[in-house]
Amino acid sequence: MGASERLRRPIADRSFFVNQDNWALPAVENCLLDAEFYLPQIRAGL
């Protein structure tokens, strides 16, 4: 696991970092990719 992947990991499965600054190439599209990726985990915790 690289540095980018470690930075994107949620804290205690409660705090999710869904934003463009977690990527080496910041872009608004990356926010959407993160949101889609973490959606199942977020829903499970609701």
PDB file of N, CA and C in Angstrom:
ATOM      1  N   MET A   1       0.854  -1.163   0.000  1.00  0.00           N
ATOM      2  CA  MET A   1       0.000   0.000   0.000  1.00  0.00           C
ATOM      3  C   MET A   1       0.908   1.237   0.000  1.00  0.00           C
ATOM      4  N   GLY A   2       0.638   2.143  -0.911  1.00  0.00           N
ATOM      5  CA  GLY A   2       1.433   3.354  -1.026  1.00  0.00           C
ATOM      6  C   GLY A   2       0.938   4.460  -0.107  1.00  0.00           C
ATOM      7  N   ALA A   3       1.646   5.558  -0.121  1.00  0.00           N
ATOM      8  CA  ALA A   3       1.306   6.691   0.747  1.00  0.00           C
ATOM      9  C   ALA A   3      -0.087   7.235   0.451  1.00  0.00           C
ATOM     10  N   SER A   4      -0.449   7.336  -0.817  1.00  0.00           N
ATOM     11  CA  SER A   4      -1.782   7.854  -1.172  1.00  0.00           C
ATOM     12  C   SER A   4      -2.888   6.975  -0.612  1.00  0.00           C
ATOM     13  N   GLU A   5      -2.706   5.674  -0.713  1.00  0.00           N
ATOM     14  CA  GLU A   5      -3.716   4.754  -0.194  1.00  0.00           C
ATOM     15  C   GLU A   5      -3.835   4.854   1.322  1.00  0.00           C
ATOM     16  N   ARG A   6      -2.711   4.988   2.004  1.00  0.00           N
ATOM     17  CA  ARG A   6      -2.742   5.110   3.471  1.00  0.00           C
ATOM     18  C   ARG A   6      -3.441   6.405   3.891  1.00  0.00           C
ATOM     19  N   LEU A   7      -3.205   7.483   3.170  1.00  0.00           N
ATOM     20  CA  LEU A   7      -3.837   8.762   3.505  1.00  0.00           C
ATOM     21  C   LEU A   7      -5.343   8.739   3.288  1.00  0.00           C
ATOM     22  N   ARG A   8      -5.820   7.928   2.366  1.00  0.00           N
ATOM     23  CA  ARG A   8      -7.244   7.880   2.040  1.00  0.00           C
ATOM     24  C   ARG A   8      -8.040   6.970   2.965  1.00  0.00           C
ATOM     25  N   ARG A   9      -7.370   6.155   3.777  1.00  0.00           N
ATOM     26  CA  ARG A   9      -8.092   5.204   4.638  1.00  0.00           C
ATOM     27  C   ARG A   9      -8.943   5.945   5.658  1.00  0.00           C
ATOM     28  N   PRO A  10     -10.155   5.460   5.892  1.00  0.00           N
ATOM     29  CA  PRO A  10     -10.993   6.082   6.924  1.00  0.00           C
ATOM     30  C   PRO A  10     -10.413   5.845   8.321  1.00  0.00           C
ATOM     31  N   ILE A  11     -10.736   6.736   9.219  1.00  0.00           N
ATOM     32  CA  ILE A  11     -10.315   6.608  10.616  1.00  0.00           C
ATOM     33  C   ILE A  11     -11.458   5.954  11.385  1.00  0.00           C
ATOM     34  N   ALA A  12     -11.167   4.801  11.974  1.00  0.00           N
ATOM     35  CA  ALA A  12     -12.139   4.057  12.790  1.00  0.00           C
ATOM     36  C   ALA A  12     -13.446   3.802  12.045  1.00  0.00           C
ATOM     37  N   ASP A  13     -13.381   3.681  10.736  1.00  0.00           N
ATOM     38  CA  ASP A  13     -14.570   3.439   9.903  1.00  0.00           C
ATOM     39  C   ASP A  13     -15.678   4.448  10.173  1.00  0.00           C
ATOM     40  N   ARG A  14     -15.321   5.650  10.609  1.00  0.00           N
ATOM     41  CA  ARG A  14     -16.308   6.692  10.896  1.00  0.00           C
ATOM     42  C   ARG A  14     -16.005   8.002  10.174  1.00  0.00           C
ATOM     43  N   SER A  15     -14.731   8.301   9.984  1.00  0.00           N
ATOM     44  CA  SER A  15     -14.333   9.546   9.318  1.00  0.00           C
ATOM     45  C   SER A  15     -13.732   9.195   7.970  1.00  0.00           C
ATOM     46  N   PHE A  16     -14.451   9.563   6.913  1.00  0.00           N
ATOM     47  CA  PHE A  16     -14.028   9.244   5.557  1.00  0.00           C
ATOM     48  C   PHE A  16     -13.486  10.498   4.889  1.00  0.00           C
ATOM     49  N   PHE A  17     -12.375  10.356   4.204  1.00  0.00           N
ATOM     50  CA  PHE A  17     -11.738  11.478   3.526  1.00  0.00           C
ATOM     51  C   PHE A  17     -12.082  11.408   2.046  1.00  0.00           C
ATOM     52  N   VAL A  18     -13.157  12.064   1.694  1.00  0.00           N
ATOM     53  CA  VAL A  18     -13.655  12.051   0.323  1.00  0.00           C
ATOM     54  C   VAL A  18     -13.439  13.458  -0.240  1.00  0.00           C
ATOM     55  N   ASN A  19     -12.242  13.679  -0.760  1.00  0.00           N
ATOM     56  CA  ASN A  19     -11.941  14.982  -1.356  1.00  0.00           C
ATOM     57  C   ASN A  19     -10.799  14.852  -2.343  1.00  0.00           C
ATOM     58  N   GLN A  20     -10.591  15.870  -3.094  1.00  0.00           N
ATOM     59  CA  GLN A  20      -9.598  15.810  -4.170  1.00  0.00           C
ATOM     60  C   GLN A  20      -8.163  15.897  -3.681  1.00  0.00           C
ATOM     61  N   ASP A  21      -7.926  16.365  -2.480  1.00  0.00           N
ATOM     62  CA  ASP A  21      -6.563  16.559  -2.005  1.00  0.00           C
ATOM     63  C   ASP A  21      -5.867  15.270  -1.598  1.00  0.00           C
ATOM     64  N   ASN A  22      -6.571  14.158  -1.606  1.00  0.00           N
ATOM     65  CA  ASN A  22      -5.973  12.875  -1.241  1.00  0.00           C
ATOM     66  C   ASN A  22      -5.301  12.191  -2.423  1.00  0.00           C
ATOM     67  N   TRP A  23      -5.343  12.794  -3.563  1.00  0.00           N
ATOM     68  CA  TRP A  23      -4.801  12.212  -4.780  1.00  0.00           C
ATOM     69  C   TRP A  23      -3.556  12.977  -5.209  1.00  0.00           C
ATOM     70  N   ALA A  24      -2.667  12.312  -5.925  1.00  0.00           N
ATOM     71  CA  ALA A  24      -1.466  12.974  -6.446  1.00  0.00           C
ATOM     72  C   ALA A  24      -1.831  14.009  -7.512  1.00  0.00           C
ATOM     73  N   LEU A  25      -2.954  13.810  -8.190  1.00  0.00           N
ATOM     74  CA  LEU A  25      -3.429  14.748  -9.203  1.00  0.00           C
ATOM     75  C   LEU A  25      -4.795  15.265  -8.764  1.00  0.00           C
ATOM     76  N   PRO A  26      -4.840  16.342  -7.974  1.00  0.00           N
ATOM     77  CA  PRO A  26      -6.123  16.848  -7.482  1.00  0.00           C
ATOM     78  C   PRO A  26      -7.048  17.267  -8.624  1.00  0.00           C
ATOM     79  N   ALA A  27      -8.252  16.774  -8.593  1.00  0.00           N
ATOM     80  CA  ALA A  27      -9.280  17.138  -9.565  1.00  0.00           C
ATOM     81  C   ALA A  27     -10.638  16.814  -8.945  1.00  0.00           C
ATOM     82  N   VAL A  28     -11.634  17.586  -9.282  1.00  0.00           N
ATOM     83  CA  VAL A  28     -12.960  17.385  -8.702  1.00  0.00           C
ATOM     84  C   VAL A  28     -13.499  15.983  -9.010  1.00  0.00           C
ATOM     85  N   GLU A  29     -13.110  15.410 -10.127  1.00  0.00           N
ATOM     86  CA  GLU A  29     -13.565  14.061 -10.470  1.00  0.00           C
ATOM     87  C   GLU A  29     -13.108  13.033  -9.438  1.00  0.00           C
ATOM     88  N   ASN A  30     -11.966  13.277  -8.824  1.00  0.00           N
ATOM     89  CA  ASN A  30     -11.473  12.344  -7.811  1.00  0.00           C
ATOM     90  C   ASN A  30     -12.366  12.339  -6.576  1.00  0.00           C
ATOM     91  N   CYS A  31     -13.010  13.458  -6.273  1.00  0.00           N
ATOM     92  CA  CYS A  31     -13.976  13.490  -5.168  1.00  0.00           C
ATOM     93  C   CYS A  31     -15.107  12.516  -5.457  1.00  0.00           C
ATOM     94  N   LEU A  32     -15.583  12.543  -6.686  1.00  0.00           N
ATOM     95  CA  LEU A  32     -16.688  11.669  -7.069  1.00  0.00           C
ATOM     96  C   LEU A  32     -16.265  10.207  -7.036  1.00  0.00           C
ATOM     97  N   LEU A  33     -15.047   9.923  -7.465  1.00  0.00           N
ATOM     98  CA  LEU A  33     -14.550   8.547  -7.406  1.00  0.00           C
ATOM     99  C   LEU A  33     -14.453   8.058  -5.964  1.00  0.00           C
ATOM    100  N   ASP A  34     -13.946   8.893  -5.077  1.00  0.00           N
ATOM    101  CA  ASP A  34     -13.858   8.519  -3.664  1.00  0.00           C
ATOM    102  C   ASP A  34     -15.245   8.318  -3.070  1.00  0.00           C
ATOM    103  N   ALA A  35     -16.166   9.206  -3.383  1.00  0.00           N
ATOM    104  CA  ALA A  35     -17.525   9.089  -2.847  1.00  0.00           C
ATOM    105  C   ALA A  35     -18.158   7.778  -3.288  1.00  0.00           C
ATOM    106  N   GLU A  36     -18.002   7.424  -4.543  1.00  0.00           N
ATOM    107  CA  GLU A  36     -18.571   6.171  -5.038  1.00  0.00           C
ATOM    108  C   GLU A  36     -17.889   4.965  -4.394  1.00  0.00           C
ATOM    109  N   PHE A  37     -16.588   5.042  -4.190  1.00  0.00           N
ATOM    110  CA  PHE A  37     -15.836   3.943  -3.600  1.00  0.00           C
ATOM    111  C   PHE A  37     -16.256   3.693  -2.149  1.00  0.00           C
ATOM    112  N   TYR A  38     -16.426   4.765  -1.370  1.00  0.00           N
ATOM    113  CA  TYR A  38     -16.721   4.633   0.053  1.00  0.00           C
ATOM    114  C   TYR A  38     -18.218   4.558   0.371  1.00  0.00           C
ATOM    115  N   LEU A  39     -19.069   4.758  -0.603  1.00  0.00           N
ATOM    116  CA  LEU A  39     -20.510   4.754  -0.365  1.00  0.00           C
ATOM    117  C   LEU A  39     -21.002   3.506   0.375  1.00  0.00           C
ATOM    118  N   PRO A  40     -20.620   2.291  -0.017  1.00  0.00           N
ATOM    119  CA  PRO A  40     -21.101   1.106   0.716  1.00  0.00           C
ATOM    120  C   PRO A  40     -20.683   1.116   2.197  1.00  0.00           C
ATOM    121  N   GLN A  41     -19.468   1.541   2.487  1.00  0.00           N
ATOM    122  CA  GLN A  41     -19.007   1.567   3.880  1.00  0.00           C
ATOM    123  C   GLN A  41     -19.762   2.650   4.676  1.00  0.00           C
ATOM    124  N   ILE A  42     -20.001   3.766   4.054  1.00  0.00           N
ATOM    125  CA  ILE A  42     -20.722   4.845   4.734  1.00  0.00           C
ATOM    126  C   ILE A  42     -22.152   4.425   5.014  1.00  0.00           C
ATOM    127  N   ARG A  43     -22.806   3.827   4.036  1.00  0.00           N
ATOM    128  CA  ARG A  43     -24.187   3.357   4.232  1.00  0.00           C
ATOM    129  C   ARG A  43     -24.271   2.311   5.337  1.00  0.00           C
ATOM    130  N   ALA A  44     -23.292   1.421   5.383  1.00  0.00           N
ATOM    131  CA  ALA A  44     -23.294   0.365   6.396  1.00  0.00           C
ATOM    132  C   ALA A  44     -23.181   0.933   7.809  1.00  0.00           C
ATOM    133  N   GLY A  45     -22.559   2.100   7.933  1.00  0.00           N
ATOM    134  CA  GLY A  45     -22.379   2.688   9.238  1.00  0.00           C
ATOM    135  C   GLY A  45     -23.511   3.593   9.678  1.00  0.00           C
ATOM    136  N   LEU A  46     -24.484   3.818   8.805  1.00  0.00           N
ATOM    137  CA  LEU A  46     -25.599   4.704   9.161  1.00  0.00           C
ATOM    138  C   LEU A  46     -26.632   3.991  10.011  1.00  0.00           C
TER     139      LEU A  46
END
